[in-house]
Amino acid sequence: MNNEELKQKILTIVPSAEFTEPVYEFLNVIVLPADLRNLAEQLNSDPDLSFDYMFCLTGVDWVTHMMVVYHLYSTKNDHTVVMKVKLDNRENPEVETLCDIWKTAEFHEREAYDLFGIRFLNHPDLRRIFLEDDWVGYPMRKDYKDDVNIVEL
């Protein structure tokens, strides 16, 4: 499936999906948090799509909002898509976990929680993965300040 065919298929699943210019030829789709779970399930289970491998998940701080970015690949169909979800509540960013769909999401979601403070609802083990349990703040956020180590982004 080429990017245009992927785009049309995604629009049948989530008509409100937005698309940005492909980056490195990957189709980029942005969905609302309410549509994320449905799209993820369809991307994984639809035989025409068959996105069976999530090879990257990261958080992004855009100052005005947070974003979670998922890179998905179909080993069966040899196509890739970048799925993004915009989280407008910057003070308490949260989105549904996808680790029951793609097992690789489990640790990636913990990393995004640890470093950005993005909560993944219904995650089976959402806790810090790199930082100490008593660490205050989220060091990858643009407003993070660490007076002890003089880190400022």
N, C-alpha and C. Protein backbone atom coordinates (compact mmCIF):
# COMPACT_ATOMS: atom_id res chain seq x y z
N MET A 1 0.84 -1.18 0.00
CA MET A 1 0.00 0.00 0.00
C MET A 1 0.89 1.25 0.00
N ASN A 2 0.60 2.18 -0.89
CA ASN A 2 1.37 3.42 -0.89
C ASN A 2 0.74 4.39 0.12
N ASN A 3 1.38 5.55 0.31
CA ASN A 3 0.91 6.51 1.30
C ASN A 3 -0.50 7.02 1.03
N GLU A 4 -0.83 7.22 -0.22
CA GLU A 4 -2.17 7.71 -0.54
C GLU A 4 -3.23 6.66 -0.21
N GLU A 5 -2.95 5.41 -0.50
CA GLU A 5 -3.88 4.33 -0.16
C GLU A 5 -4.01 4.17 1.36
N LEU A 6 -2.87 4.29 2.06
CA LEU A 6 -2.90 4.25 3.52
C LEU A 6 -3.75 5.39 4.09
N LYS A 7 -3.55 6.56 3.53
CA LYS A 7 -4.30 7.74 3.97
C LYS A 7 -5.80 7.52 3.81
N GLN A 8 -6.22 7.04 2.67
CA GLN A 8 -7.65 6.80 2.41
C GLN A 8 -8.20 5.73 3.36
N LYS A 9 -7.44 4.71 3.61
CA LYS A 9 -7.87 3.64 4.53
C LYS A 9 -8.02 4.19 5.94
N ILE A 10 -7.06 5.00 6.38
CA ILE A 10 -7.12 5.60 7.72
C ILE A 10 -8.32 6.53 7.83
N LEU A 11 -8.62 7.28 6.78
CA LEU A 11 -9.77 8.19 6.81
C LEU A 11 -11.09 7.43 6.92
N THR A 12 -11.16 6.20 6.44
CA THR A 12 -12.38 5.41 6.63
C THR A 12 -12.54 4.99 8.09
N ILE A 13 -11.42 4.86 8.80
CA ILE A 13 -11.45 4.48 10.21
C ILE A 13 -11.69 5.70 11.10
N VAL A 14 -10.95 6.78 10.83
CA VAL A 14 -11.05 8.02 11.62
C VAL A 14 -11.17 9.18 10.64
N PRO A 15 -12.41 9.56 10.29
CA PRO A 15 -12.61 10.64 9.31
C PRO A 15 -12.02 11.98 9.73
N SER A 16 -11.85 12.20 11.04
CA SER A 16 -11.30 13.47 11.53
C SER A 16 -9.78 13.51 11.55
N ALA A 17 -9.13 12.44 11.13
CA ALA A 17 -7.66 12.39 11.14
C ALA A 17 -7.08 13.49 10.26
N GLU A 18 -5.96 14.05 10.73
CA GLU A 18 -5.24 15.07 9.96
C GLU A 18 -3.92 14.47 9.50
N PHE A 19 -3.45 14.95 8.37
CA PHE A 19 -2.20 14.44 7.81
C PHE A 19 -1.24 15.59 7.58
N THR A 20 0.03 15.34 7.85
CA THR A 20 1.07 16.33 7.57
C THR A 20 1.93 15.77 6.45
N GLU A 21 2.81 16.61 5.96
CA GLU A 21 3.70 16.16 4.89
C GLU A 21 4.51 14.95 5.36
N PRO A 22 4.68 13.95 4.50
CA PRO A 22 5.48 12.79 4.88
C PRO A 22 6.91 13.20 5.24
N VAL A 23 7.41 12.61 6.30
CA VAL A 23 8.79 12.82 6.72
C VAL A 23 9.54 11.52 6.43
N TYR A 24 10.63 11.61 5.68
CA TYR A 24 11.37 10.42 5.25
C TYR A 24 10.44 9.43 4.57
N GLU A 25 9.48 9.96 3.85
CA GLU A 25 8.51 9.18 3.10
C GLU A 25 7.49 8.44 3.95
N PHE A 26 7.50 8.65 5.28
CA PHE A 26 6.51 8.03 6.15
C PHE A 26 5.26 8.90 6.20
N LEU A 27 4.09 8.29 6.06
CA LEU A 27 2.84 9.00 6.21
C LEU A 27 2.68 9.39 7.67
N ASN A 28 2.35 10.65 7.94
CA ASN A 28 2.16 11.16 9.29
C ASN A 28 0.69 11.48 9.51
N VAL A 29 0.08 10.85 10.51
CA VAL A 29 -1.32 11.07 10.82
C VAL A 29 -1.45 11.55 12.26
N ILE A 30 -2.28 12.57 12.47
CA ILE A 30 -2.54 13.11 13.80
C ILE A 30 -4.00 12.84 14.15
N VAL A 31 -4.22 12.24 15.31
CA VAL A 31 -5.57 11.93 15.76
C VAL A 31 -5.81 12.49 17.16
N LEU A 32 -7.06 12.62 17.51
CA LEU A 32 -7.45 13.04 18.85
C LEU A 32 -7.27 11.87 19.82
N PRO A 33 -7.04 12.17 21.10
CA PRO A 33 -6.90 11.08 22.08
C PRO A 33 -8.09 10.11 22.07
N ALA A 34 -9.29 10.62 21.84
CA ALA A 34 -10.49 9.77 21.82
C ALA A 34 -10.49 8.79 20.65
N ASP A 35 -9.75 9.10 19.58
CA ASP A 35 -9.71 8.24 18.40
C ASP A 35 -8.49 7.32 18.36
N LEU A 36 -7.54 7.54 19.25
CA LEU A 36 -6.27 6.80 19.21
C LEU A 36 -6.47 5.29 19.30
N ARG A 37 -7.20 4.86 20.30
CA ARG A 37 -7.35 3.43 20.55
C ARG A 37 -7.99 2.72 19.36
N ASN A 38 -9.07 3.27 18.84
CA ASN A 38 -9.75 2.67 17.70
C ASN A 38 -8.81 2.56 16.50
N LEU A 39 -8.10 3.64 16.20
CA LEU A 39 -7.18 3.61 15.06
C LEU A 39 -6.08 2.58 15.28
N ALA A 40 -5.51 2.56 16.47
CA ALA A 40 -4.43 1.60 16.76
C ALA A 40 -4.90 0.16 16.58
N GLU A 41 -6.08 -0.15 17.11
CA GLU A 41 -6.61 -1.51 16.97
C GLU A 41 -6.81 -1.88 15.51
N GLN A 42 -7.35 -0.95 14.72
CA GLN A 42 -7.59 -1.21 13.29
C GLN A 42 -6.28 -1.34 12.51
N LEU A 43 -5.31 -0.46 12.83
CA LEU A 43 -4.02 -0.55 12.15
C LEU A 43 -3.36 -1.89 12.39
N ASN A 44 -3.56 -2.43 13.58
CA ASN A 44 -2.94 -3.70 13.93
C ASN A 44 -3.70 -4.90 13.37
N SER A 45 -5.03 -4.86 13.44
CA SER A 45 -5.80 -6.07 13.11
C SER A 45 -6.30 -6.17 11.68
N ASP A 46 -6.44 -5.06 10.97
CA ASP A 46 -6.92 -5.09 9.59
C ASP A 46 -5.86 -5.76 8.70
N PRO A 47 -6.21 -6.84 8.01
CA PRO A 47 -5.22 -7.55 7.18
C PRO A 47 -4.58 -6.69 6.08
N ASP A 48 -5.32 -5.69 5.60
CA ASP A 48 -4.75 -4.80 4.58
C ASP A 48 -3.68 -3.89 5.17
N LEU A 49 -3.76 -3.64 6.45
CA LEU A 49 -2.80 -2.75 7.11
C LEU A 49 -1.75 -3.56 7.86
N SER A 50 -2.18 -4.38 8.80
CA SER A 50 -1.33 -5.32 9.52
C SER A 50 -0.07 -4.68 10.12
N PHE A 51 -0.24 -3.56 10.82
CA PHE A 51 0.90 -2.93 11.49
C PHE A 51 1.18 -3.72 12.77
N ASP A 52 2.10 -4.66 12.66
CA ASP A 52 2.36 -5.59 13.74
C ASP A 52 3.58 -5.23 14.59
N TYR A 53 4.26 -4.15 14.24
CA TYR A 53 5.48 -3.80 14.96
C TYR A 53 5.53 -2.29 15.24
N MET A 54 5.54 -1.93 16.51
CA MET A 54 5.74 -0.54 16.91
C MET A 54 7.22 -0.41 17.25
N PHE A 55 7.98 0.28 16.39
CA PHE A 55 9.42 0.33 16.61
C PHE A 55 9.90 1.57 17.34
N CYS A 56 9.00 2.52 17.60
CA CYS A 56 9.40 3.69 18.36
C CYS A 56 8.17 4.39 18.92
N LEU A 57 8.30 4.89 20.13
CA LEU A 57 7.27 5.74 20.75
C LEU A 57 8.04 6.79 21.52
N THR A 58 7.65 8.03 21.36
CA THR A 58 8.31 9.09 22.11
C THR A 58 7.32 10.19 22.45
N GLY A 59 7.68 10.97 23.44
CA GLY A 59 6.92 12.15 23.80
C GLY A 59 7.59 13.38 23.21
N VAL A 60 6.80 14.41 22.97
CA VAL A 60 7.33 15.68 22.46
C VAL A 60 6.65 16.80 23.24
N ASP A 61 7.44 17.76 23.70
CA ASP A 61 6.91 18.93 24.40
C ASP A 61 6.94 20.10 23.42
N TRP A 62 5.76 20.60 23.07
CA TRP A 62 5.65 21.72 22.14
C TRP A 62 5.34 23.03 22.87
N VAL A 63 5.61 23.09 24.17
CA VAL A 63 5.34 24.22 25.05
C VAL A 63 3.85 24.44 25.27
N THR A 64 3.05 24.50 24.21
CA THR A 64 1.60 24.71 24.34
C THR A 64 0.84 23.40 24.54
N HIS A 65 1.44 22.29 24.16
CA HIS A 65 0.80 20.98 24.29
C HIS A 65 1.86 19.89 24.25
N MET A 66 1.47 18.69 24.59
CA MET A 66 2.35 17.54 24.51
C MET A 66 1.86 16.66 23.35
N MET A 67 2.75 15.82 22.86
CA MET A 67 2.38 14.91 21.78
C MET A 67 3.07 13.57 22.03
N VAL A 68 2.37 12.51 21.69
CA VAL A 68 2.97 11.18 21.69
C VAL A 68 3.05 10.75 20.24
N VAL A 69 4.22 10.24 19.84
CA VAL A 69 4.48 9.87 18.45
C VAL A 69 4.81 8.37 18.41
N TYR A 70 4.06 7.65 17.58
CA TYR A 70 4.23 6.21 17.43
C TYR A 70 4.70 5.92 16.01
N HIS A 71 5.79 5.18 15.86
CA HIS A 71 6.26 4.72 14.55
C HIS A 71 5.87 3.25 14.42
N LEU A 72 5.07 2.95 13.40
CA LEU A 72 4.54 1.61 13.20
C LEU A 72 4.99 1.05 11.86
N TYR A 73 5.23 -0.27 11.86
CA TYR A 73 5.68 -0.94 10.64
C TYR A 73 4.90 -2.23 10.45
N SER A 74 4.58 -2.53 9.22
CA SER A 74 3.95 -3.80 8.88
C SER A 74 5.01 -4.72 8.27
N THR A 75 5.36 -5.77 8.98
CA THR A 75 6.34 -6.72 8.45
C THR A 75 5.74 -7.53 7.30
N LYS A 76 4.43 -7.66 7.30
CA LYS A 76 3.74 -8.42 6.25
C LYS A 76 3.65 -7.61 4.96
N ASN A 77 3.28 -6.33 5.09
CA ASN A 77 3.02 -5.50 3.91
C ASN A 77 4.13 -4.50 3.58
N ASP A 78 5.14 -4.45 4.43
CA ASP A 78 6.30 -3.58 4.21
C ASP A 78 5.90 -2.11 4.01
N HIS A 79 5.09 -1.59 4.95
CA HIS A 79 4.81 -0.16 4.94
C HIS A 79 4.89 0.39 6.36
N THR A 80 5.10 1.69 6.44
CA THR A 80 5.33 2.38 7.71
C THR A 80 4.38 3.57 7.82
N VAL A 81 3.95 3.85 9.05
CA VAL A 81 3.13 5.03 9.31
C VAL A 81 3.58 5.62 10.65
N VAL A 82 3.49 6.94 10.74
CA VAL A 82 3.77 7.64 11.98
C VAL A 82 2.44 8.17 12.49
N MET A 83 2.01 7.67 13.64
CA MET A 83 0.75 8.06 14.24
C MET A 83 1.05 8.98 15.42
N LYS A 84 0.38 10.14 15.45
CA LYS A 84 0.62 11.12 16.51
C LYS A 84 -0.69 11.46 17.20
N VAL A 85 -0.59 11.71 18.50
CA VAL A 85 -1.77 12.15 19.25
C VAL A 85 -1.38 13.40 20.04
N LYS A 86 -2.19 14.44 19.86
CA LYS A 86 -1.95 15.73 20.50
C LYS A 86 -2.69 15.76 21.83
N LEU A 87 -1.95 16.12 22.91
CA LEU A 87 -2.52 16.18 24.25
C LEU A 87 -2.53 17.64 24.69
N ASP A 88 -3.71 18.24 24.69
CA ASP A 88 -3.82 19.67 24.99
C ASP A 88 -3.63 20.00 26.47
N ASN A 89 -3.91 19.06 27.35
CA ASN A 89 -3.76 19.30 28.79
C ASN A 89 -2.29 19.08 29.18
N ARG A 90 -1.51 20.13 29.06
CA ARG A 90 -0.07 20.04 29.29
C ARG A 90 0.26 19.75 30.76
N GLU A 91 -0.58 20.22 31.66
CA GLU A 91 -0.33 20.01 33.09
C GLU A 91 -0.59 18.57 33.53
N ASN A 92 -1.49 17.91 32.85
CA ASN A 92 -1.82 16.52 33.18
C ASN A 92 -2.04 15.73 31.89
N PRO A 93 -0.98 15.56 31.09
CA PRO A 93 -1.16 14.85 29.82
C PRO A 93 -1.40 13.37 30.05
N GLU A 94 -2.46 12.86 29.44
CA GLU A 94 -2.73 11.44 29.57
C GLU A 94 -3.43 10.92 28.32
N VAL A 95 -3.16 9.66 28.05
CA VAL A 95 -3.69 8.99 26.87
C VAL A 95 -3.76 7.50 27.19
N GLU A 96 -4.60 6.79 26.49
CA GLU A 96 -4.77 5.36 26.71
C GLU A 96 -3.49 4.60 26.33
N THR A 97 -3.15 3.58 27.11
CA THR A 97 -2.00 2.75 26.78
C THR A 97 -2.28 1.93 25.52
N LEU A 98 -1.23 1.61 24.79
CA LEU A 98 -1.35 0.73 23.63
C LEU A 98 -0.48 -0.51 23.79
N CYS A 99 0.00 -0.75 25.02
CA CYS A 99 0.92 -1.87 25.21
C CYS A 99 0.25 -3.23 25.10
N ASP A 100 -1.08 -3.27 25.15
CA ASP A 100 -1.77 -4.54 24.92
C ASP A 100 -1.89 -4.83 23.42
N ILE A 101 -1.68 -3.82 22.59
CA ILE A 101 -1.70 -4.01 21.13
C ILE A 101 -0.28 -4.28 20.62
N TRP A 102 0.66 -3.46 21.06
CA TRP A 102 2.07 -3.65 20.71
C TRP A 102 2.86 -3.75 22.00
N LYS A 103 3.39 -4.91 22.28
CA LYS A 103 4.10 -5.16 23.54
C LYS A 103 5.29 -4.22 23.71
N THR A 104 5.91 -3.80 22.61
CA THR A 104 7.06 -2.89 22.72
C THR A 104 6.67 -1.55 23.34
N ALA A 105 5.38 -1.22 23.33
CA ALA A 105 4.94 0.06 23.90
C ALA A 105 5.12 0.10 25.41
N GLU A 106 5.16 -1.05 26.05
CA GLU A 106 5.20 -1.07 27.52
C GLU A 106 6.37 -0.26 28.08
N PHE A 107 7.58 -0.52 27.63
CA PHE A 107 8.73 0.22 28.14
C PHE A 107 8.83 1.62 27.54
N HIS A 108 8.44 1.77 26.29
CA HIS A 108 8.45 3.10 25.68
C HIS A 108 7.50 4.05 26.42
N GLU A 109 6.34 3.56 26.81
CA GLU A 109 5.38 4.38 27.55
C GLU A 109 5.94 4.75 28.92
N ARG A 110 6.63 3.82 29.55
CA ARG A 110 7.26 4.12 30.85
C ARG A 110 8.32 5.20 30.69
N GLU A 111 9.06 5.16 29.60
CA GLU A 111 10.07 6.19 29.36
C GLU A 111 9.42 7.56 29.16
N ALA A 112 8.35 7.62 28.37
CA ALA A 112 7.66 8.89 28.14
C ALA A 112 7.04 9.41 29.44
N TYR A 113 6.57 8.52 30.28
CA TYR A 113 6.05 8.92 31.58
C TYR A 113 7.18 9.48 32.45
N ASP A 114 8.28 8.78 32.51
CA ASP A 114 9.40 9.15 33.36
C ASP A 114 10.00 10.50 32.97
N LEU A 115 10.17 10.74 31.68
CA LEU A 115 10.88 11.93 31.22
C LEU A 115 9.98 13.09 30.84
N PHE A 116 8.72 12.83 30.46
CA PHE A 116 7.79 13.90 30.05
C PHE A 116 6.59 14.04 30.97
N GLY A 117 6.31 13.04 31.80
CA GLY A 117 5.15 13.09 32.67
C GLY A 117 3.85 12.74 31.98
N ILE A 118 3.92 12.08 30.83
CA ILE A 118 2.71 11.67 30.11
C ILE A 118 2.20 10.37 30.75
N ARG A 119 0.98 10.41 31.23
CA ARG A 119 0.39 9.23 31.87
C ARG A 119 -0.33 8.38 30.81
N PHE A 120 -0.10 7.09 30.87
CA PHE A 120 -0.73 6.15 29.95
C PHE A 120 -1.76 5.35 30.74
N LEU A 121 -3.02 5.69 30.52
CA LEU A 121 -4.12 5.09 31.27
C LEU A 121 -4.19 3.58 31.03
N ASN A 122 -4.40 2.84 32.08
CA ASN A 122 -4.52 1.37 32.06
C ASN A 122 -3.21 0.65 31.75
N HIS A 123 -2.09 1.35 31.85
CA HIS A 123 -0.80 0.69 31.70
C HIS A 123 -0.60 -0.26 32.88
N PRO A 124 -0.12 -1.48 32.64
CA PRO A 124 -0.02 -2.46 33.73
C PRO A 124 1.07 -2.15 34.78
N ASP A 125 2.04 -1.30 34.44
CA ASP A 125 3.16 -1.07 35.37
C ASP A 125 3.77 0.31 35.13
N LEU A 126 2.97 1.35 35.20
CA LEU A 126 3.45 2.70 34.90
C LEU A 126 4.21 3.27 36.10
N ARG A 127 5.52 3.24 35.98
CA ARG A 127 6.40 3.80 37.01
C ARG A 127 7.69 4.25 36.34
N ARG A 128 8.47 5.01 37.06
CA ARG A 128 9.72 5.51 36.50
C ARG A 128 10.61 4.35 36.05
N ILE A 129 11.36 4.59 34.99
CA ILE A 129 12.21 3.55 34.44
C ILE A 129 13.70 3.94 34.49
N PHE A 130 14.00 5.25 34.43
CA PHE A 130 15.38 5.72 34.48
C PHE A 130 15.71 6.47 35.76
N LEU A 131 14.78 7.30 36.21
CA LEU A 131 15.03 8.19 37.35
C LEU A 131 14.59 7.55 38.66
N GLU A 132 15.14 8.06 39.75
CA GLU A 132 14.76 7.58 41.08
C GLU A 132 13.27 7.86 41.33
N ASP A 133 12.66 7.04 42.14
CA ASP A 133 11.22 7.20 42.44
C ASP A 133 10.90 8.54 43.06
N ASP A 134 11.83 9.13 43.80
CA ASP A 134 11.57 10.41 44.46
C ASP A 134 12.01 11.62 43.63
N TRP A 135 12.38 11.39 42.38
CA TRP A 135 12.78 12.50 41.49
C TRP A 135 11.59 13.44 41.30
N VAL A 136 11.87 14.73 41.36
CA VAL A 136 10.81 15.72 41.20
C VAL A 136 10.89 16.32 39.81
N GLY A 137 9.79 16.25 39.07
CA GLY A 137 9.73 16.85 37.74
C GLY A 137 10.01 15.87 36.63
N TYR A 138 10.00 16.43 35.42
CA TYR A 138 10.16 15.62 34.20
C TYR A 138 11.21 16.30 33.33
N PRO A 139 12.43 15.79 33.29
CA PRO A 139 13.56 16.51 32.69
C PRO A 139 13.51 16.78 31.19
N MET A 140 12.63 16.15 30.44
CA MET A 140 12.56 16.44 29.01
C MET A 140 11.54 17.53 28.67
N ARG A 141 10.85 18.03 29.68
CA ARG A 141 9.92 19.14 29.44
C ARG A 141 10.70 20.44 29.29
N LYS A 142 10.22 21.28 28.45
CA LYS A 142 10.92 22.54 28.17
C LYS A 142 10.92 23.50 29.35
N ASP A 143 10.00 23.32 30.29
CA ASP A 143 9.97 24.20 31.46
C ASP A 143 10.70 23.61 32.67
N TYR A 144 11.42 22.51 32.47
CA TYR A 144 12.10 21.84 33.57
C TYR A 144 13.34 22.63 33.99
N LYS A 145 13.51 22.80 35.31
CA LYS A 145 14.70 23.46 35.85
C LYS A 145 15.25 22.60 36.96
N ASP A 146 16.54 22.46 36.97
CA ASP A 146 17.23 21.70 38.00
C ASP A 146 18.32 22.59 38.58
N ASP A 147 18.03 23.22 39.70
CA ASP A 147 18.99 24.15 40.30
C ASP A 147 20.24 23.46 40.82
N VAL A 148 20.14 22.18 41.19
CA VAL A 148 21.29 21.45 41.71
C VAL A 148 22.29 21.15 40.61
N ASN A 149 21.79 20.64 39.49
CA ASN A 149 22.68 20.27 38.39
C ASN A 149 22.75 21.35 37.30
N ILE A 150 22.08 22.44 37.50
CA ILE A 150 22.05 23.58 36.59
C ILE A 150 21.69 23.16 35.17
N VAL A 151 20.64 22.38 35.06
CA VAL A 151 20.13 21.96 33.75
C VAL A 151 18.94 22.83 33.42
N GLU A 152 18.96 23.45 32.28
CA GLU A 152 17.83 24.27 31.88
C GLU A 152 17.63 24.12 30.39
N LEU A 153 16.42 23.74 30.01
CA LEU A 153 16.13 23.57 28.58
C LEU A 153 15.39 24.77 28.07
